[in-house]
N, C-alpha and C. Protein backbone atom coordinates (compact mmCIF):
# COMPACT_ATOMS: atom_id res chain seq x y z
N UNK A 1 1.02 -1.22 -0.52
CA UNK A 1 -0.12 -0.36 0.08
C UNK A 1 0.57 1.20 0.17
N UNK A 2 0.71 2.08 -0.54
CA UNK A 2 1.50 3.44 -0.72
C UNK A 2 0.87 4.13 0.33
N UNK A 3 1.74 4.64 1.60
CA UNK A 3 1.83 6.09 2.08
C UNK A 3 2.15 7.10 1.88
N UNK A 4 2.70 7.25 1.07
CA UNK A 4 2.56 8.33 0.19
C UNK A 4 1.37 9.14 -0.05
N UNK A 5 1.02 10.86 0.27
CA UNK A 5 -0.29 11.68 0.50
C UNK A 5 -0.30 12.11 -1.26
N UNK A 6 -1.62 11.83 -1.67
CA UNK A 6 -2.23 12.21 -2.61
C UNK A 6 -1.65 13.86 -2.56
N UNK A 7 -1.11 14.26 -3.66
CA UNK A 7 -1.26 15.94 -3.96
C UNK A 7 -2.50 16.69 -4.06
N UNK A 8 -2.68 17.48 -3.36
CA UNK A 8 -4.18 18.28 -3.18
C UNK A 8 -4.80 18.38 -4.67
N UNK A 9 -4.08 18.86 -5.81
CA UNK A 9 -4.26 19.25 -7.19
C UNK A 9 -5.19 18.27 -7.19
N UNK A 10 -4.76 16.98 -7.40
CA UNK A 10 -5.83 16.04 -7.03
C UNK A 10 -6.91 15.69 -6.39
N UNK A 11 -6.64 16.34 -5.34
CA UNK A 11 -8.60 16.55 -4.44
C UNK A 11 -9.33 17.51 -5.06
N UNK A 12 -8.52 19.17 -5.31
CA UNK A 12 -9.12 20.06 -5.79
C UNK A 12 -10.23 19.37 -6.98
N UNK A 13 -9.47 18.93 -7.74
CA UNK A 13 -10.03 18.97 -9.26
C UNK A 13 -10.75 17.25 -8.97
N UNK A 14 -11.16 17.15 -7.96
CA UNK A 14 -12.34 16.04 -7.53
C UNK A 14 -13.17 16.92 -6.93
N UNK A 15 -13.04 17.73 -6.10
CA UNK A 15 -14.52 18.80 -5.91
C UNK A 15 -14.81 19.73 -6.43
N UNK A 16 -14.06 20.12 -7.58
CA UNK A 16 -14.70 20.87 -8.32
C UNK A 16 -15.43 20.25 -9.29
N UNK A 17 -15.30 18.83 -9.47
CA UNK A 17 -16.14 18.05 -10.26
C UNK A 17 -17.40 17.42 -10.04
N UNK A 18 -16.95 16.98 -8.26
CA UNK A 18 -18.62 17.27 -7.51
C UNK A 18 -19.38 18.33 -7.55
N UNK A 19 -18.29 19.97 -7.03
CA UNK A 19 -19.01 20.80 -7.06
C UNK A 19 -19.91 20.96 -8.15
N UNK A 20 -19.11 20.90 -9.12
CA UNK A 20 -20.00 21.35 -11.19
C UNK A 20 -21.40 19.91 -11.04
N UNK A 21 -21.59 19.15 -10.25
CA UNK A 21 -22.72 18.34 -10.86
C UNK A 21 -22.14 16.72 -11.50
N UNK A 22 -20.81 16.99 -12.70
CA UNK A 22 -20.46 16.40 -13.41
C UNK A 22 -19.92 15.02 -12.65
N UNK A 23 -20.12 13.49 -13.52
CA UNK A 23 -19.53 12.43 -13.30
C UNK A 23 -17.96 12.32 -13.84
N UNK A 24 -17.55 11.37 -14.05
CA UNK A 24 -16.23 11.30 -14.40
C UNK A 24 -16.17 11.17 -15.77
N UNK A 25 -17.63 10.78 -16.28
CA UNK A 25 -17.45 10.23 -17.80
C UNK A 25 -17.27 11.10 -18.64
N UNK A 26 -18.49 12.48 -17.78
CA UNK A 26 -19.07 13.25 -18.24
C UNK A 26 -17.37 14.36 -18.38
N UNK A 27 -17.05 14.64 -17.59
CA UNK A 27 -15.44 15.68 -17.51
C UNK A 27 -14.63 14.98 -18.48
N UNK A 28 -14.67 13.94 -18.23
CA UNK A 28 -13.61 13.20 -19.56
C UNK A 28 -13.94 13.43 -21.01
N UNK A 29 -15.11 13.53 -21.25
CA UNK A 29 -15.41 13.91 -22.51
C UNK A 29 -15.09 15.30 -22.42
N UNK A 30 -15.53 16.24 -21.69
CA UNK A 30 -15.27 17.53 -22.52
C UNK A 30 -13.83 17.92 -21.98
N UNK A 31 -12.98 17.12 -21.23
CA UNK A 31 -11.63 17.71 -21.68
C UNK A 31 -10.81 16.57 -22.36
N UNK A 32 -11.50 15.72 -22.81
CA UNK A 32 -10.70 14.84 -24.22
C UNK A 32 -10.26 13.82 -23.73
N UNK A 33 -10.22 13.23 -22.44
CA UNK A 33 -9.56 12.17 -21.18
C UNK A 33 -10.44 10.84 -21.71
N UNK A 34 -10.03 9.85 -21.32
CA UNK A 34 -10.31 8.86 -20.85
C UNK A 34 -11.15 8.77 -19.17
N UNK A 35 -12.15 8.31 -19.20
CA UNK A 35 -12.98 8.02 -17.73
C UNK A 35 -11.72 7.31 -16.64
N UNK A 36 -11.20 6.29 -17.39
CA UNK A 36 -10.30 6.08 -16.54
C UNK A 36 -9.28 6.57 -15.96
N UNK A 37 -8.32 7.68 -16.88
CA UNK A 37 -7.55 8.48 -16.55
C UNK A 37 -7.98 9.63 -15.45
N UNK A 38 -9.47 10.46 -15.51
CA UNK A 38 -9.58 10.80 -14.73
C UNK A 38 -9.77 10.02 -13.40
N UNK A 39 -9.96 9.19 -13.12
CA UNK A 39 -10.38 8.11 -11.83
C UNK A 39 -8.48 7.93 -11.58
N UNK A 40 -7.48 7.87 -12.31
CA UNK A 40 -6.34 7.84 -11.81
C UNK A 40 -5.58 9.00 -11.09
N UNK A 41 -6.25 9.87 -11.78
CA UNK A 41 -5.78 11.44 -11.39
C UNK A 41 -6.49 11.84 -10.01
N UNK A 42 -7.64 11.73 -10.02
CA UNK A 42 -8.33 11.74 -8.67
C UNK A 42 -7.98 10.77 -7.99
N UNK A 43 -7.70 9.63 -8.16
CA UNK A 43 -7.17 9.01 -6.50
C UNK A 43 -5.67 8.95 -6.03
N UNK A 44 -5.02 10.20 -7.20
CA UNK A 44 -3.68 10.37 -6.91
C UNK A 44 -2.47 9.19 -7.62
N UNK A 45 -3.02 8.29 -8.69
CA UNK A 45 -2.25 7.45 -9.20
C UNK A 45 -1.06 7.81 -10.29
N UNK A 46 -2.26 9.01 -10.82
CA UNK A 46 -1.40 9.94 -11.69
C UNK A 46 -1.33 11.05 -11.36
N UNK A 47 -0.08 11.59 -11.54
CA UNK A 47 0.17 13.07 -11.38
C UNK A 47 -0.51 13.88 -12.93
N UNK A 48 -0.88 14.92 -11.83
CA UNK A 48 -1.64 16.54 -13.07
C UNK A 48 -0.31 16.84 -13.78
N UNK A 49 -0.39 16.37 -15.05
CA UNK A 49 0.41 17.57 -15.61
C UNK A 49 -0.05 19.32 -15.92
N UNK A 50 0.93 19.74 -16.36
CA UNK A 50 0.69 21.23 -16.38
C UNK A 50 -0.84 21.02 -17.91
N UNK A 51 -0.74 20.53 -18.89
CA UNK A 51 -1.76 19.99 -20.29
C UNK A 51 -2.79 19.65 -19.30
N UNK A 52 -2.85 18.34 -18.90
CA UNK A 52 -3.86 18.66 -18.09
C UNK A 52 -4.40 19.34 -17.54
N UNK A 53 -3.93 20.47 -16.21
CA UNK A 53 -4.54 21.76 -15.55
C UNK A 53 -4.97 22.32 -16.12
N UNK A 54 -4.21 22.57 -17.73
CA UNK A 54 -4.83 23.60 -18.73
C UNK A 54 -6.06 23.61 -19.01
N UNK A 55 -6.31 21.89 -19.41
CA UNK A 55 -7.53 21.23 -20.30
C UNK A 55 -8.88 21.84 -19.22
N UNK A 56 -8.48 21.60 -18.54
CA UNK A 56 -8.90 22.00 -16.88
C UNK A 56 -9.88 23.30 -17.13
N UNK A 57 -8.41 24.37 -16.84
CA UNK A 57 -8.71 25.45 -16.58
C UNK A 57 -9.25 25.87 -17.79
N UNK A 58 -9.20 25.52 -19.06
CA UNK A 58 -9.92 26.20 -20.64
C UNK A 58 -11.61 25.78 -20.50
N UNK A 59 -11.27 24.62 -20.44
CA UNK A 59 -12.68 24.21 -20.67
C UNK A 59 -13.92 24.30 -19.68
N UNK A 60 -13.78 24.43 -18.43
CA UNK A 60 -14.05 25.10 -17.26
C UNK A 60 -14.23 26.38 -17.01
N UNK A 61 -13.39 27.61 -17.75
CA UNK A 61 -13.34 28.79 -17.52
C UNK A 61 -12.74 29.08 -16.40
N UNK A 62 -11.84 28.58 -15.66
CA UNK A 62 -11.26 29.19 -14.28
C UNK A 62 -9.61 29.07 -14.23
N UNK A 63 -8.82 30.30 -14.19
CA UNK A 63 -7.51 30.12 -14.71
C UNK A 63 -6.88 29.41 -13.89
N UNK A 64 -6.00 29.08 -14.52
CA UNK A 64 -4.92 27.97 -13.81
C UNK A 64 -4.31 28.19 -12.50
N UNK A 65 -4.33 29.74 -12.14
CA UNK A 65 -3.85 30.02 -10.93
C UNK A 65 -4.70 29.72 -9.56
N UNK A 66 -6.26 29.50 -9.75
CA UNK A 66 -7.39 30.21 -8.96
C UNK A 66 -7.25 28.25 -8.91
N UNK A 67 -7.10 27.45 -9.89
CA UNK A 67 -6.71 26.05 -9.57
C UNK A 67 -5.86 25.57 -8.57
N UNK A 68 -5.00 26.05 -9.02
CA UNK A 68 -3.62 25.76 -8.17
C UNK A 68 -4.33 26.71 -6.20
N UNK A 69 -4.37 27.48 -6.42
CA UNK A 69 -4.85 28.08 -4.77
C UNK A 69 -6.07 27.68 -4.29
N UNK A 70 -6.97 26.72 -5.18
CA UNK A 70 -7.97 26.29 -4.43
C UNK A 70 -6.96 24.70 -3.83
N UNK A 71 -6.29 24.63 -4.82
CA UNK A 71 -5.34 22.58 -4.08
C UNK A 71 -5.02 23.64 -2.89
N UNK A 72 -4.40 24.59 -2.64
CA UNK A 72 -3.59 24.74 -1.58
C UNK A 72 -4.36 25.29 -0.08
N UNK A 73 -5.87 25.81 -0.36
CA UNK A 73 -6.34 25.58 0.64
C UNK A 73 -7.12 24.55 1.21
N UNK A 74 -7.16 23.50 0.07
CA UNK A 74 -7.55 22.27 0.81
C UNK A 74 -6.66 21.51 1.71
N UNK A 75 -5.69 21.96 1.91
CA UNK A 75 -4.39 21.39 2.86
C UNK A 75 -4.93 21.37 4.14
N UNK A 76 -5.42 20.39 4.77
CA UNK A 76 -5.81 19.91 6.25
C UNK A 76 -7.37 19.81 5.76
N UNK A 77 -8.11 19.98 4.98
CA UNK A 77 -9.57 19.50 4.94
C UNK A 77 -9.81 18.24 4.92
N UNK A 78 -10.71 18.11 5.89
CA UNK A 78 -11.27 16.86 6.29
C UNK A 78 -11.75 15.69 5.26
N UNK A 79 -11.34 14.75 4.51
CA UNK A 79 -12.08 13.92 3.60
C UNK A 79 -13.01 12.64 4.15
N UNK A 80 -14.17 12.91 4.30
CA UNK A 80 -15.08 11.60 4.69
C UNK A 80 -14.68 10.05 4.09
N UNK A 81 -15.13 8.74 4.52
CA UNK A 81 -14.74 7.99 3.65
C UNK A 81 -15.93 7.33 3.32
N UNK A 82 -15.66 6.84 2.15
CA UNK A 82 -16.71 6.22 1.41
C UNK A 82 -16.87 7.76 -0.08
N UNK A 83 -16.43 8.46 -0.05
CA UNK A 83 -16.12 9.10 -1.19
C UNK A 83 -17.31 10.32 -0.81
N UNK A 84 -17.36 10.39 0.18
CA UNK A 84 -18.55 11.45 0.84
C UNK A 84 -17.52 12.68 1.26
N UNK A 85 -17.86 13.86 1.19
CA UNK A 85 -17.05 15.21 1.66
C UNK A 85 -17.57 15.89 2.41
N UNK A 86 -17.02 16.17 3.56
CA UNK A 86 -16.82 17.20 4.73
C UNK A 86 -16.03 18.71 4.34
N UNK A 87 -17.20 19.57 3.74
CA UNK A 87 -16.18 21.22 3.30
C UNK A 87 -16.60 21.93 3.87
N UNK A 88 -15.24 22.29 4.95
CA UNK A 88 -15.78 23.67 5.46
C UNK A 88 -16.29 24.82 5.36
N UNK A 89 -16.69 25.91 5.43
CA UNK A 89 -17.46 26.87 4.94
C UNK A 89 -16.60 27.43 3.87
N UNK A 90 -15.10 28.16 4.29
CA UNK A 90 -14.07 28.82 3.73
C UNK A 90 -14.36 28.12 2.28
N UNK A 91 -13.97 26.69 2.18
CA UNK A 91 -13.75 26.03 0.93
C UNK A 91 -15.20 26.46 -0.20
N UNK A 92 -16.20 26.11 0.29
CA UNK A 92 -17.73 26.38 0.08
C UNK A 92 -17.68 28.02 -0.65
N UNK A 93 -17.21 28.40 -0.11
CA UNK A 93 -17.26 30.04 -0.29
C UNK A 93 -15.79 30.22 -1.55
N UNK A 94 -14.75 29.31 -1.54
CA UNK A 94 -14.03 29.59 -2.72
C UNK A 94 -14.38 28.98 -3.92
N UNK A 95 -15.10 27.69 -3.63
CA UNK A 95 -15.75 27.30 -5.04
C UNK A 95 -16.76 28.12 -5.31
N UNK A 96 -17.52 28.36 -4.82
CA UNK A 96 -18.25 29.46 -5.41
C UNK A 96 -17.76 30.43 -6.46
N UNK A 97 -16.48 31.05 -5.83
CA UNK A 97 -16.22 32.07 -6.60
C UNK A 97 -15.48 31.66 -8.27
N UNK A 98 -15.46 29.97 -7.67
CA UNK A 98 -14.46 29.58 -9.02
C UNK A 98 -15.68 28.43 -10.10
N UNK A 99 -16.89 29.13 -9.47
CA UNK A 99 -18.03 28.30 -10.21
C UNK A 99 -18.43 29.21 -11.71
N UNK A 100 -18.02 28.65 -13.18
CA UNK A 100 -18.58 28.84 -14.56
C UNK A 100 -19.67 29.93 -14.10
N UNK A 101 -21.31 29.06 -13.24
CA UNK A 101 -22.11 29.67 -13.77
C UNK A 101 -22.06 30.75 -13.33
N UNK A 102 -21.83 31.01 -12.50
CA UNK A 102 -21.33 32.09 -11.69
C UNK A 102 -20.98 33.47 -12.93
N UNK A 103 -19.95 32.97 -13.53
CA UNK A 103 -19.37 33.87 -14.20
C UNK A 103 -20.82 34.07 -15.64
N UNK A 104 -21.07 33.26 -15.93
CA UNK A 104 -21.55 33.12 -17.31
C UNK A 104 -23.23 34.43 -16.42
N UNK A 105 -23.75 33.70 -15.93
CA UNK A 105 -24.28 35.05 -15.59
C UNK A 105 -24.44 36.07 -15.12
N UNK A 106 -23.14 36.29 -14.44
CA UNK A 106 -23.02 37.96 -14.28
C UNK A 106 -22.46 38.49 -15.56
N UNK A 107 -22.22 38.48 -16.91
CA UNK A 107 -21.83 39.29 -18.26
C UNK A 107 -23.42 39.65 -18.73
């Protein structure tokens, strides 16, 4: 069993997908990746390359710097077993600022 901690960017991309209500299959189609690749990224089995981060950024209309900042903010946030998430109010507020729906509605 791998004792290395999963990088926070992997968790950030997973949380963002869940927040947007997308399945792994849906986000994979949007990004032009396979569902298995998304799964491996979210589980920390595959690193997040700059290319992959750029795909998320472009397709979701979120700057790469915001994705990285969000990943840093997740440090120490608890993740509940069985895939259910406990998210602190500050993380929810940050997710709200990242929402592409709000960006679209603001224009």
